[in-house]
Amino acid sequence: MFVFFSVSKKVKMGMEYLRQKKSTLGEHLALVSVRYNVYPAEVVQALIDARKNGKSTCGELSVDYRGQAKDEMIFLIKKEDSVVAQFRVDEDFLSRNNDASFENYMSTDKIRKKIAKQNNDTVFSTVSELRSGMRHINLKAKVQEIPKPAQVHTQFGNTAMVVNALIGDDTGTIKLCLWEGQINTIALGEEIEIQNAQVCLFRGEKQVRLGKNGTLNVLNETETTPTAVQ
């Protein structure tokens, strides 16, 4: 069995910390490869070479073999003078990993999201992934229902119009809370893109709210605006 560790029990990669209990060693190596623009198989080969020669290089990274503890080899990966990661690796892991197995590591949700972030692409959630309390979520969905706007009293003592529209994708549906001027920005059947929103719980039901920083864009406007659902 292989174990990932560092002295502080966290590995710092830029501004990120990777925790052992949440990732496998293969995922950690894949994240290193994405972060420093090298192939995962090259990282593994660098570990093998370091085991044989004491040191090796992989792109901008250097790999030091630090000895062995029980049945596991210890490697230290650095960029210049900064420590990138430290791993415990068993012999079986190095011998059985190949390009095909690393394809599996590179295709996990965690790695795909890291690659998207690395490429400055927006990562979109699906409706089924949304949980109450989530912030800064991005979502693409279709407007399925727009109820008649309701007038409510706000905490500031005035009244405002609000609509809880029903939106959804292939994984499910969720309410989208729209206030005042936001209400007329969507129409039934339109595909919309929401960015930097939050998920709240209201009367036991999850809903997406734009808040102060969220944005909503219509991807395909309908030719006519249907009558709101009564």
C-alpha atoms as a PDB file:
ATOM      1  CA  MET A   1       0.000   0.000   0.000  1.00  0.00           C
ATOM      2  CA  PHE A   2       1.368   3.428  -0.881  1.00  0.00           C
ATOM      3  CA  VAL A   3       1.102   6.545   1.259  1.00  0.00           C
ATOM      4  CA  PHE A   4       1.465  10.217   0.467  1.00  0.00           C
ATOM      5  CA  PHE A   5       2.941  12.494   3.113  1.00  0.00           C
ATOM      6  CA  SER A   6       5.042  15.512   3.929  1.00  0.00           C
ATOM      7  CA  VAL A   7       6.519  16.776   7.180  1.00  0.00           C
ATOM      8  CA  SER A   8       3.496  19.028   7.789  1.00  0.00           C
ATOM      9  CA  LYS A   9       1.087  16.335   6.514  1.00  0.00           C
ATOM     10  CA  LYS A  10       0.204  18.684   3.663  1.00  0.00           C
ATOM     11  CA  VAL A  11       1.894  19.264   0.349  1.00  0.00           C
ATOM     12  CA  LYS A  12       1.990  22.830  -0.880  1.00  0.00           C
ATOM     13  CA  MET A  13       1.696  23.347  -4.628  1.00  0.00           C
ATOM     14  CA  GLY A  14       1.558  27.077  -5.354  1.00  0.00           C
ATOM     15  CA  MET A  15      -1.353  28.226  -3.154  1.00  0.00           C
ATOM     16  CA  GLU A  16      -2.929  24.782  -2.904  1.00  0.00           C
ATOM     17  CA  TYR A  17      -2.747  22.065  -0.261  1.00  0.00           C
ATOM     18  CA  LEU A  18      -3.399  18.420  -1.100  1.00  0.00           C
ATOM     19  CA  ARG A  19      -4.556  16.150   1.706  1.00  0.00           C
ATOM     20  CA  GLN A  20      -3.652  12.468   1.808  1.00  0.00           C
ATOM     21  CA  LYS A  21      -7.110  11.207   2.767  1.00  0.00           C
ATOM     22  CA  LYS A  22      -8.779  12.926  -0.191  1.00  0.00           C
ATOM     23  CA  SER A  23      -6.513  11.779  -3.017  1.00  0.00           C
ATOM     24  CA  THR A  24      -4.561   8.756  -4.178  1.00  0.00           C
ATOM     25  CA  LEU A  25      -0.862   8.866  -4.938  1.00  0.00           C
ATOM     26  CA  GLY A  26      -1.688   8.592  -8.640  1.00  0.00           C
ATOM     27  CA  GLU A  27      -3.896  11.683  -8.413  1.00  0.00           C
ATOM     28  CA  HIS A  28      -1.151  13.600  -6.611  1.00  0.00           C
ATOM     29  CA  LEU A  29       1.360  12.713  -9.313  1.00  0.00           C
ATOM     30  CA  ALA A  30      -1.171  13.726 -11.951  1.00  0.00           C
ATOM     31  CA  LEU A  31      -1.683  17.083 -10.191  1.00  0.00           C
ATOM     32  CA  VAL A  32       2.077  17.618 -10.107  1.00  0.00           C
ATOM     33  CA  SER A  33       2.235  16.919 -13.840  1.00  0.00           C
ATOM     34  CA  VAL A  34      -0.578  19.399 -14.571  1.00  0.00           C
ATOM     35  CA  ARG A  35       0.844  22.088 -12.279  1.00  0.00           C
ATOM     36  CA  TYR A  36       4.341  21.891 -13.787  1.00  0.00           C
ATOM     37  CA  ASN A  37       3.453  20.954 -17.374  1.00  0.00           C
ATOM     38  CA  VAL A  38       5.053  17.512 -17.584  1.00  0.00           C
ATOM     39  CA  TYR A  39       3.580  14.158 -18.522  1.00  0.00           C
ATOM     40  CA  PRO A  40       2.576  11.905 -15.593  1.00  0.00           C
ATOM     41  CA  ALA A  41       4.607   9.044 -17.041  1.00  0.00           C
ATOM     42  CA  GLU A  42       7.663  11.341 -17.036  1.00  0.00           C
ATOM     43  CA  VAL A  43       7.175  11.979 -13.315  1.00  0.00           C
ATOM     44  CA  VAL A  44       7.105   8.236 -12.633  1.00  0.00           C
ATOM     45  CA  GLN A  45      10.191   7.695 -14.801  1.00  0.00           C
ATOM     46  CA  ALA A  46      11.953  10.452 -12.850  1.00  0.00           C
ATOM     47  CA  LEU A  47      11.143   8.570  -9.628  1.00  0.00           C
ATOM     48  CA  ILE A  48      12.590   5.384 -11.115  1.00  0.00           C
ATOM     49  CA  ASP A  49      15.750   7.193 -12.269  1.00  0.00           C
ATOM     50  CA  ALA A  50      16.149   8.878  -8.879  1.00  0.00           C
ATOM     51  CA  ARG A  51      15.892   5.507  -7.165  1.00  0.00           C
ATOM     52  CA  LYS A  52      18.721   4.227  -9.359  1.00  0.00           C
ATOM     53  CA  ASN A  53      20.970   7.315  -9.404  1.00  0.00           C
ATOM     54  CA  GLY A  54      20.003   9.222  -6.267  1.00  0.00           C
ATOM     55  CA  LYS A  55      18.784  12.229  -8.273  1.00  0.00           C
ATOM     56  CA  SER A  56      16.932  12.957 -11.495  1.00  0.00           C
ATOM     57  CA  THR A  57      15.183  15.786 -13.319  1.00  0.00           C
ATOM     58  CA  CYS A  58      11.756  16.148 -14.902  1.00  0.00           C
ATOM     59  CA  GLY A  59      11.228  19.404 -16.775  1.00  0.00           C
ATOM     60  CA  GLU A  60      11.768  22.193 -14.226  1.00  0.00           C
ATOM     61  CA  LEU A  61      11.559  19.721 -11.353  1.00  0.00           C
ATOM     62  CA  SER A  62      14.307  17.819  -9.569  1.00  0.00           C
ATOM     63  CA  VAL A  63      13.681  14.519  -7.786  1.00  0.00           C
ATOM     64  CA  ASP A  64      15.784  13.280  -4.851  1.00  0.00           C
ATOM     65  CA  TYR A  65      15.715   9.738  -3.523  1.00  0.00           C
ATOM     66  CA  ARG A  66      15.757  10.085   0.287  1.00  0.00           C
ATOM     67  CA  GLY A  67      16.016   6.443   1.294  1.00  0.00           C
ATOM     68  CA  GLN A  68      13.623   3.714   2.287  1.00  0.00           C
ATOM     69  CA  ALA A  69      11.256   3.172   5.218  1.00  0.00           C
ATOM     70  CA  LYS A  70      10.066  -0.423   5.554  1.00  0.00           C
ATOM     71  CA  ASP A  71       8.851  -1.397   2.056  1.00  0.00           C
ATOM     72  CA  GLU A  72       8.429   2.144   0.781  1.00  0.00           C
ATOM     73  CA  MET A  73      10.818   4.493  -1.007  1.00  0.00           C
ATOM     74  CA  ILE A  74      10.870   8.187  -0.088  1.00  0.00           C
ATOM     75  CA  PHE A  75      11.172  10.856  -2.798  1.00  0.00           C
ATOM     76  CA  LEU A  76      11.440  14.624  -2.533  1.00  0.00           C
ATOM     77  CA  ILE A  77      10.345  16.729  -5.527  1.00  0.00           C
ATOM     78  CA  LYS A  78      11.619  20.303  -5.750  1.00  0.00           C
ATOM     79  CA  LYS A  79      11.533  23.257  -8.091  1.00  0.00           C
ATOM     80  CA  GLU A  80      14.767  25.170  -7.612  1.00  0.00           C
ATOM     81  CA  ASP A  81      14.998  25.473  -3.803  1.00  0.00           C
ATOM     82  CA  SER A  82      11.281  25.081  -3.081  1.00  0.00           C
ATOM     83  CA  VAL A  83       9.773  21.749  -2.054  1.00  0.00           C
ATOM     84  CA  VAL A  84       6.882  20.756  -4.312  1.00  0.00           C
ATOM     85  CA  ALA A  85       5.982  17.372  -2.837  1.00  0.00           C
ATOM     86  CA  GLN A  86       7.255  14.421  -0.844  1.00  0.00           C
ATOM     87  CA  PHE A  87       6.051  10.886  -1.476  1.00  0.00           C
ATOM     88  CA  ARG A  88       6.312   7.388  -0.073  1.00  0.00           C
ATOM     89  CA  VAL A  89       6.074   4.916  -2.963  1.00  0.00           C
ATOM     90  CA  ASP A  90       6.219   1.139  -3.011  1.00  0.00           C
ATOM     91  CA  GLU A  91       7.902  -0.934  -5.731  1.00  0.00           C
ATOM     92  CA  ASP A  92       4.614  -2.258  -7.092  1.00  0.00           C
ATOM     93  CA  PHE A  93       3.331   1.240  -7.829  1.00  0.00           C
ATOM     94  CA  LEU A  94       6.361   2.117  -9.968  1.00  0.00           C
ATOM     95  CA  SER A  95       6.372  -1.201 -11.802  1.00  0.00           C
ATOM     96  CA  ARG A  96       2.661  -1.380 -12.609  1.00  0.00           C
ATOM     97  CA  ASN A  97       2.030   2.218 -13.717  1.00  0.00           C
ATOM     98  CA  ASN A  98       2.068   3.003 -17.408  1.00  0.00           C
ATOM     99  CA  ASP A  99       0.472   5.439 -19.836  1.00  0.00           C
ATOM    100  CA  ALA A 100      -2.846   3.576 -19.742  1.00  0.00           C
ATOM    101  CA  SER A 101      -3.153   3.672 -15.959  1.00  0.00           C
ATOM    102  CA  PHE A 102      -2.313   7.359 -15.859  1.00  0.00           C
ATOM    103  CA  GLU A 103      -5.119   8.030 -18.310  1.00  0.00           C
ATOM    104  CA  ASN A 104      -7.430   6.944 -15.481  1.00  0.00           C
ATOM    105  CA  TYR A 105      -5.831   9.375 -13.034  1.00  0.00           C
ATOM    106  CA  MET A 106      -5.982  12.228 -15.551  1.00  0.00           C
ATOM    107  CA  SER A 107      -9.689  11.633 -16.195  1.00  0.00           C
ATOM    108  CA  THR A 108     -10.869  12.071 -12.585  1.00  0.00           C
ATOM    109  CA  ASP A 109     -13.082  15.064 -11.740  1.00  0.00           C
ATOM    110  CA  LYS A 110     -10.367  16.564  -9.554  1.00  0.00           C
ATOM    111  CA  ILE A 111      -7.776  16.500 -12.358  1.00  0.00           C
ATOM    112  CA  ARG A 112     -10.234  17.768 -15.003  1.00  0.00           C
ATOM    113  CA  LYS A 113     -11.116  20.735 -12.800  1.00  0.00           C
ATOM    114  CA  LYS A 114      -7.433  21.449 -12.176  1.00  0.00           C
ATOM    115  CA  ILE A 115      -6.708  21.342 -15.909  1.00  0.00           C
ATOM    116  CA  ALA A 116      -9.627  23.676 -16.604  1.00  0.00           C
ATOM    117  CA  LYS A 117      -8.400  26.100 -13.945  1.00  0.00           C
ATOM    118  CA  GLN A 118      -4.868  25.857 -15.306  1.00  0.00           C
ATOM    119  CA  ASN A 119      -6.221  26.815 -18.732  1.00  0.00           C
ATOM    120  CA  ASN A 120      -8.262  29.654 -17.232  1.00  0.00           C
ATOM    121  CA  ASP A 121     -11.460  27.933 -18.344  1.00  0.00           C
ATOM    122  CA  THR A 122     -14.622  28.251 -16.298  1.00  0.00           C
ATOM    123  CA  VAL A 123     -15.619  25.033 -14.514  1.00  0.00           C
ATOM    124  CA  PHE A 124     -19.373  24.412 -14.596  1.00  0.00           C
ATOM    125  CA  SER A 125     -21.300  22.330 -12.085  1.00  0.00           C
ATOM    126  CA  THR A 126     -24.337  20.217 -12.846  1.00  0.00           C
ATOM    127  CA  VAL A 127     -27.594  20.654 -10.933  1.00  0.00           C
ATOM    128  CA  SER A 128     -27.092  17.312  -9.170  1.00  0.00           C
ATOM    129  CA  GLU A 129     -23.747  18.522  -7.786  1.00  0.00           C
ATOM    130  CA  LEU A 130     -25.213  21.612  -6.101  1.00  0.00           C
ATOM    131  CA  ARG A 131     -25.330  21.632  -2.306  1.00  0.00           C
ATOM    132  CA  SER A 132     -26.676  24.220   0.112  1.00  0.00           C
ATOM    133  CA  GLY A 133     -23.937  26.631   1.171  1.00  0.00           C
ATOM    134  CA  MET A 134     -21.900  26.367  -2.036  1.00  0.00           C
ATOM    135  CA  ARG A 135     -20.538  29.671  -3.344  1.00  0.00           C
ATOM    136  CA  HIS A 136     -18.962  30.854  -6.593  1.00  0.00           C
ATOM    137  CA  ILE A 137     -20.782  28.178  -8.570  1.00  0.00           C
ATOM    138  CA  ASN A 138     -21.160  28.225 -12.348  1.00  0.00           C
ATOM    139  CA  LEU A 139     -24.094  26.534 -14.037  1.00  0.00           C
ATOM    140  CA  LYS A 140     -25.624  26.078 -17.486  1.00  0.00           C
ATOM    141  CA  ALA A 141     -29.318  25.251 -17.483  1.00  0.00           C
ATOM    142  CA  LYS A 142     -32.620  25.620 -19.330  1.00  0.00           C
ATOM    143  CA  VAL A 143     -35.495  27.740 -18.050  1.00  0.00           C
ATOM    144  CA  GLN A 144     -38.384  25.323 -17.487  1.00  0.00           C
ATOM    145  CA  GLU A 145     -40.914  27.397 -15.562  1.00  0.00           C
ATOM    146  CA  ILE A 146     -41.448  31.044 -14.637  1.00  0.00           C
ATOM    147  CA  PRO A 147     -44.164  31.551 -12.004  1.00  0.00           C
ATOM    148  CA  LYS A 148     -46.045  34.795 -11.613  1.00  0.00           C
ATOM    149  CA  PRO A 149     -43.911  37.346  -9.682  1.00  0.00           C
ATOM    150  CA  ALA A 150     -44.816  37.691  -6.012  1.00  0.00           C
ATOM    151  CA  GLN A 151     -44.577  40.820  -3.894  1.00  0.00           C
ATOM    152  CA  VAL A 152     -42.682  40.324  -0.640  1.00  0.00           C
ATOM    153  CA  HIS A 153     -41.637  42.493   2.281  1.00  0.00           C
ATOM    154  CA  THR A 154     -37.860  42.785   2.634  1.00  0.00           C
ATOM    155  CA  GLN A 155     -35.790  43.060   5.794  1.00  0.00           C
ATOM    156  CA  PHE A 156     -35.347  46.749   5.024  1.00  0.00           C
ATOM    157  CA  GLY A 157     -39.057  47.450   5.454  1.00  0.00           C
ATOM    158  CA  ASN A 158     -39.948  47.947   1.781  1.00  0.00           C
ATOM    159  CA  THR A 159     -41.552  45.637  -0.791  1.00  0.00           C
ATOM    160  CA  ALA A 160     -40.025  43.950  -3.820  1.00  0.00           C
ATOM    161  CA  MET A 161     -41.045  41.556  -6.594  1.00  0.00           C
ATOM    162  CA  VAL A 162     -39.462  38.110  -6.617  1.00  0.00           C
ATOM    163  CA  VAL A 163     -39.714  35.010  -8.813  1.00  0.00           C
ATOM    164  CA  ASN A 164     -38.413  31.513  -8.120  1.00  0.00           C
ATOM    165  CA  ALA A 165     -37.979  30.224 -11.663  1.00  0.00           C
ATOM    166  CA  LEU A 166     -37.408  26.522 -12.274  1.00  0.00           C
ATOM    167  CA  ILE A 167     -34.253  25.719 -14.223  1.00  0.00           C
ATOM    168  CA  GLY A 168     -32.628  22.403 -14.998  1.00  0.00           C
ATOM    169  CA  ASP A 169     -30.156  20.293 -16.931  1.00  0.00           C
ATOM    170  CA  ASP A 170     -29.854  16.573 -17.688  1.00  0.00           C
ATOM    171  CA  THR A 171     -29.136  15.828 -14.011  1.00  0.00           C
ATOM    172  CA  GLY A 172     -32.057  17.573 -12.313  1.00  0.00           C
ATOM    173  CA  THR A 173     -33.863  20.829 -11.568  1.00  0.00           C
ATOM    174  CA  ILE A 174     -33.463  23.663  -9.055  1.00  0.00           C
ATOM    175  CA  LYS A 175     -35.130  26.990  -8.297  1.00  0.00           C
ATOM    176  CA  LEU A 176     -33.459  30.228  -9.440  1.00  0.00           C
ATOM    177  CA  CYS A 177     -34.338  33.234  -7.271  1.00  0.00           C
ATOM    178  CA  LEU A 178     -34.663  36.453  -9.272  1.00  0.00           C
ATOM    179  CA  TRP A 179     -35.451  39.907  -7.890  1.00  0.00           C
ATOM    180  CA  GLU A 180     -37.002  42.982  -9.491  1.00  0.00           C
ATOM    181  CA  GLY A 181     -35.036  43.857 -12.649  1.00  0.00           C
ATOM    182  CA  GLN A 182     -33.602  40.336 -12.920  1.00  0.00           C
ATOM    183  CA  ILE A 183     -37.053  38.825 -13.508  1.00  0.00           C
ATOM    184  CA  ASN A 184     -37.465  39.979 -17.133  1.00  0.00           C
ATOM    185  CA  THR A 185     -33.980  38.901 -18.189  1.00  0.00           C
ATOM    186  CA  ILE A 186     -35.064  35.310 -18.906  1.00  0.00           C
ATOM    187  CA  ALA A 187     -37.869  33.597 -20.806  1.00  0.00           C
ATOM    188  CA  LEU A 188     -39.278  30.090 -20.858  1.00  0.00           C
ATOM    189  CA  GLY A 189     -37.189  27.645 -22.890  1.00  0.00           C
ATOM    190  CA  GLU A 190     -34.024  29.742 -22.918  1.00  0.00           C
ATOM    191  CA  GLU A 191     -30.593  28.285 -22.213  1.00  0.00           C
ATOM    192  CA  ILE A 192     -28.851  30.371 -19.568  1.00  0.00           C
ATOM    193  CA  GLU A 193     -25.375  30.589 -18.091  1.00  0.00           C
ATOM    194  CA  ILE A 194     -24.959  31.533 -14.436  1.00  0.00           C
ATOM    195  CA  GLN A 195     -21.586  32.431 -12.957  1.00  0.00           C
ATOM    196  CA  ASN A 196     -20.315  33.205  -9.458  1.00  0.00           C
ATOM    197  CA  ALA A 197     -23.665  32.401  -7.819  1.00  0.00           C
ATOM    198  CA  GLN A 198     -24.503  30.708  -4.523  1.00  0.00           C
ATOM    199  CA  VAL A 199     -26.773  27.912  -3.370  1.00  0.00           C
ATOM    200  CA  CYS A 200     -29.089  28.619  -0.437  1.00  0.00           C
ATOM    201  CA  LEU A 201     -31.786  26.726   1.435  1.00  0.00           C
ATOM    202  CA  PHE A 202     -35.191  28.431   1.661  1.00  0.00           C
ATOM    203  CA  ARG A 203     -38.113  26.687   3.367  1.00  0.00           C
ATOM    204  CA  GLY A 204     -36.312  23.366   3.021  1.00  0.00           C
ATOM    205  CA  GLU A 205     -35.686  23.771  -0.705  1.00  0.00           C
ATOM    206  CA  LYS A 206     -32.405  24.499  -2.467  1.00  0.00           C
ATOM    207  CA  GLN A 207     -32.265  27.535  -4.722  1.00  0.00           C
ATOM    208  CA  VAL A 208     -29.635  29.376  -6.732  1.00  0.00           C
ATOM    209  CA  ARG A 209     -29.154  33.053  -5.960  1.00  0.00           C
ATOM    210  CA  LEU A 210     -27.066  35.544  -7.888  1.00  0.00           C
ATOM    211  CA  GLY A 211     -26.308  37.735  -4.885  1.00  0.00           C
ATOM    212  CA  LYS A 212     -24.182  40.834  -5.397  1.00  0.00           C
ATOM    213  CA  ASN A 213     -21.493  39.225  -7.553  1.00  0.00           C
ATOM    214  CA  GLY A 214     -23.368  36.654  -9.640  1.00  0.00           C
ATOM    215  CA  THR A 215     -24.096  37.083 -13.335  1.00  0.00           C
ATOM    216  CA  LEU A 216     -26.741  35.623 -15.647  1.00  0.00           C
ATOM    217  CA  ASN A 217     -26.454  35.473 -19.431  1.00  0.00           C
ATOM    218  CA  VAL A 218     -28.926  34.093 -21.979  1.00  0.00           C
ATOM    219  CA  LEU A 219     -27.212  31.737 -24.436  1.00  0.00           C
ATOM    220  CA  ASN A 220     -30.113  31.401 -26.900  1.00  0.00           C
ATOM    221  CA  GLU A 221     -32.939  33.913 -26.775  1.00  0.00           C
ATOM    222  CA  THR A 222     -36.428  32.726 -27.706  1.00  0.00           C
ATOM    223  CA  GLU A 223     -38.192  34.489 -30.559  1.00  0.00           C
ATOM    224  CA  THR A 224     -41.226  35.312 -28.421  1.00  0.00           C
ATOM    225  CA  THR A 225     -41.648  35.657 -24.708  1.00  0.00           C
ATOM    226  CA  PRO A 226     -44.148  33.057 -23.432  1.00  0.00           C
ATOM    227  CA  THR A 227     -46.801  33.900 -20.896  1.00  0.00           C
ATOM    228  CA  ALA A 228     -45.618  33.377 -17.330  1.00  0.00           C
ATOM    229  CA  VAL A 229     -46.939  30.348 -15.495  1.00  0.00           C
ATOM    230  CA  GLN A 230     -49.838  31.317 -13.201  1.00  0.00           C
END
